[in-house]
Amino acid sequence: MASDLREVLDRADWVVVFGDLHGDTTAFRLLADRAVRQMALTRVLISVGDFGIGPWGGGTQDKTVRRTDDLLQKLDAFLLITPGNHDNWDTITEATTNRVDEFGFGVLGTYGRLRVSPRGHRFTIGGLPFGSLGGAVSVDRALADATPGPRSIVGKWWWPTEAPDRTDLQALGTRPLEVLITHDVPDGVPLIGQGDWEPRLIEQSNRVRAIVREAVEATRPVICFCGHWHQRRTHHLRTGSGGVTRVEVLSEEHTAGNAVVLDLAQLAHPVQELADRWHRWLEAGGSAPGTSVKPGTTP
């Protein structure tokens, strides 16, 4: 019998958080199968955006959502998505307006195994308050602008509503969070290669990063997960209140640092790379699908 999302969220001890996949369902299948079916680690997966919600290019079908929904139904798991700039914001807006569940998520897919956060959203996993602030600026849009063609078409390859604004910040609110999921990286976290794009788009991006930093300052999470810049780094961000938020920037598909395991009982402890956990599980003799990993143990 399929599990109820409330039951899964309430009983979660661990979650797997992963970075940009850009519609690569093979990459998602690999990480989901390892985390859910083989190691039986969790049934809650979290995307920091650019998952690849479609359709893209003016198409009428969203194969990424359909294939993911089918897989999650088989695994009896759920995916919670904080939208990125490379997700279809028309699809997101329709879901978060017309197909909303009891937690405020928009529901995607036939089975409803994908849930997408609206702009500025709060929810609870394992009794802990989580927040979501999605969106970012498509700095690669300059490539499309320089070469007119299909990719420069608004509403087919990029969306004017892709970046968060102060309305989203207000929707998120100021009550403290334990975990904040964003797509872009808060201002103050050093990044590699941010200045390689067109200056006007970097300026827009910097304004968004400042908004994300304000979200961190307002909600004071223990940890903030994000992606967007396709690199893996950990940075301890000192806030104006004197606190410290650990920012975990996750890399893109098929690279080291794309997916990590978060122990909800030990947020202050370093996260573990899913690939590392997988290899240690194999070394410990794990081979039978469905073998349970007891929380607090190292497989």
Foldseek 3Di string as FASTA:
>chain_A
DFDDPVVQQQPAQKEKEFEAAQLVVVLVLVLCCLCQWQAVPGQEYEYLENPNADDALPDDDGVSLAVVVVSSRVSSHAYEYQYEQQHQVVVLVCQLVPAADPQSWRFDYDVRRYTYHDQQGWDGGNNFIEIGHEAAFPLVLVVCVVPPDSCVDENRNGHPPRAHDVVSLVSNAQAAGAEYRYADAAPPDDDPPLPVGDPVRSVRRNVRNPSVNVSCQRHVHQEYEYENRADFDWDWDQHPVRHTYIYTYAHYGPDFRRMWMARPVCNNDDIHGSVVLSVQCVVVPRDDTPDYDDPPDRD
